[in-house]
């Protein structure tokens, strides 16, 4: 089992935050966040895209149970998954953009490739 970063939050808050980050990433194509959150988001987003590539009803229900917006799931299955049909993983990219002004936390942009 993979070790998950706790990100300074209790379990319920952390899980919902990751669900929201993954939904926003799929919806917008790119988001700006901290490096630690981006690494955790990348793991989950890649799994969601892999499930969407499978395209069957069970995969759709699994993704629907995780994502917070049904229209984003429809977009994932209809437009994003076919785009990555020949690609075996590596659907996201993390680019560093420098430290945040307030607390010098490393900020990154995570985007779909």
Protein backbone atom coordinates (compact mmCIF):
# COMPACT_ATOMS: atom_id res chain seq x y z
CA UNK A 1 0.00 0.00 0.00
CA UNK A 2 1.31 3.42 -0.96
CA UNK A 3 2.01 5.94 1.76
CA UNK A 4 -0.20 9.02 1.45
CA UNK A 5 0.87 12.49 2.52
CA UNK A 6 -1.28 13.83 5.35
CA UNK A 7 -1.01 17.45 4.17
CA UNK A 8 -1.68 18.72 7.69
CA UNK A 9 -5.36 17.75 7.60
CA UNK A 10 -7.67 15.19 9.15
CA UNK A 11 -8.67 12.29 6.90
CA UNK A 12 -12.11 13.55 5.86
CA UNK A 13 -10.82 17.03 4.98
CA UNK A 14 -7.84 15.61 3.07
CA UNK A 15 -10.01 13.23 1.04
CA UNK A 16 -12.54 15.90 0.10
CA UNK A 17 -9.77 18.36 -0.77
CA UNK A 18 -8.19 15.78 -3.13
CA UNK A 19 -11.60 15.06 -4.71
CA UNK A 20 -12.06 18.78 -5.35
CA UNK A 21 -8.53 19.20 -6.74
CA UNK A 22 -8.92 16.25 -9.12
CA UNK A 23 -12.33 17.50 -10.28
CA UNK A 24 -10.92 20.99 -10.88
CA UNK A 25 -7.92 19.58 -12.77
CA UNK A 26 -10.11 17.52 -15.10
CA UNK A 27 -12.54 20.41 -15.54
CA UNK A 28 -10.00 23.16 -16.25
CA UNK A 29 -7.04 21.23 -17.64
CA UNK A 30 -4.60 22.95 -15.27
CA UNK A 31 -4.56 24.24 -11.71
CA UNK A 32 -2.08 26.03 -9.47
CA UNK A 33 -1.40 24.50 -6.05
CA UNK A 34 1.39 23.52 -3.68
CA UNK A 35 3.89 20.85 -4.67
CA UNK A 36 2.76 18.33 -2.03
CA UNK A 37 -0.92 18.67 -2.98
CA UNK A 38 -0.03 18.40 -6.67
CA UNK A 39 1.86 15.13 -6.17
CA UNK A 40 -1.11 13.58 -4.37
CA UNK A 41 -3.53 14.98 -6.97
CA UNK A 42 -1.43 13.50 -9.77
CA UNK A 43 -1.75 9.97 -8.35
CA UNK A 44 -5.53 10.14 -8.18
CA UNK A 45 -6.02 11.98 -11.49
CA UNK A 46 -3.99 9.37 -13.36
CA UNK A 47 -6.14 6.60 -11.87
CA UNK A 48 -9.33 8.42 -12.89
CA UNK A 49 -8.13 8.86 -16.48
CA UNK A 50 -7.08 5.20 -16.64
CA UNK A 51 -10.55 4.18 -15.45
CA UNK A 52 -12.14 6.47 -18.04
CA UNK A 53 -10.03 4.87 -20.77
CA UNK A 54 -11.61 1.51 -19.84
CA UNK A 55 -14.94 3.12 -20.58
CA UNK A 56 -17.30 0.46 -19.18
CA UNK A 57 -20.23 1.05 -16.82
CA UNK A 58 -18.38 -0.12 -13.72
CA UNK A 59 -15.49 2.29 -14.42
CA UNK A 60 -17.96 5.13 -14.91
CA UNK A 61 -19.62 4.38 -11.58
CA UNK A 62 -16.24 4.22 -9.83
CA UNK A 63 -15.27 7.64 -11.22
CA UNK A 64 -18.72 9.09 -10.38
CA UNK A 65 -18.31 7.93 -6.79
CA UNK A 66 -15.06 9.92 -6.50
CA UNK A 67 -15.56 13.08 -8.57
CA UNK A 68 -17.79 15.88 -7.28
CA UNK A 69 -19.39 16.98 -10.59
CA UNK A 70 -21.24 14.73 -13.04
CA UNK A 71 -20.65 17.02 -16.04
CA UNK A 72 -16.90 16.73 -15.47
CA UNK A 73 -17.20 12.92 -15.48
CA UNK A 74 -19.12 13.04 -18.77
CA UNK A 75 -16.41 15.28 -20.24
CA UNK A 76 -13.72 12.91 -18.93
CA UNK A 77 -15.29 9.86 -20.59
CA UNK A 78 -16.35 11.56 -23.85
CA UNK A 79 -13.43 13.87 -24.63
CA UNK A 80 -10.39 13.41 -22.40
CA UNK A 81 -10.12 9.59 -22.26
CA UNK A 82 -10.18 9.09 -26.07
CA UNK A 83 -7.37 11.66 -26.36
CA UNK A 84 -5.13 9.43 -24.19
CA UNK A 85 -6.16 6.10 -25.79
CA UNK A 86 -2.66 5.27 -27.06
CA UNK A 87 -0.84 6.68 -24.02
CA UNK A 88 0.15 4.31 -21.19
CA UNK A 89 0.19 6.61 -18.18
CA UNK A 90 1.84 9.98 -17.69
CA UNK A 91 -1.30 12.03 -18.37
CA UNK A 92 -0.29 14.93 -16.11
CA UNK A 93 2.70 17.25 -15.80
CA UNK A 94 3.90 19.24 -12.79
CA UNK A 95 5.83 22.48 -13.43
CA UNK A 96 7.40 24.48 -10.59
CA UNK A 97 6.63 28.19 -10.59
CA UNK A 98 8.54 29.32 -7.49
CA UNK A 99 7.79 30.00 -3.83
CA UNK A 100 4.56 31.54 -2.55
CA UNK A 101 5.01 35.08 -1.25
CA UNK A 102 3.41 34.57 2.18
CA UNK A 103 5.08 31.42 3.49
CA UNK A 104 7.62 30.47 0.77
CA UNK A 105 5.84 27.18 0.03
CA UNK A 106 6.87 25.78 -3.36
CA UNK A 107 4.03 26.43 -5.83
CA UNK A 108 3.45 24.42 -8.99
CA UNK A 109 1.10 24.18 -11.95
CA UNK A 110 -0.30 20.72 -12.57
CA UNK A 111 -1.82 20.22 -16.01
CA UNK A 112 -3.04 17.53 -18.35
CA UNK A 113 -0.46 16.72 -21.02
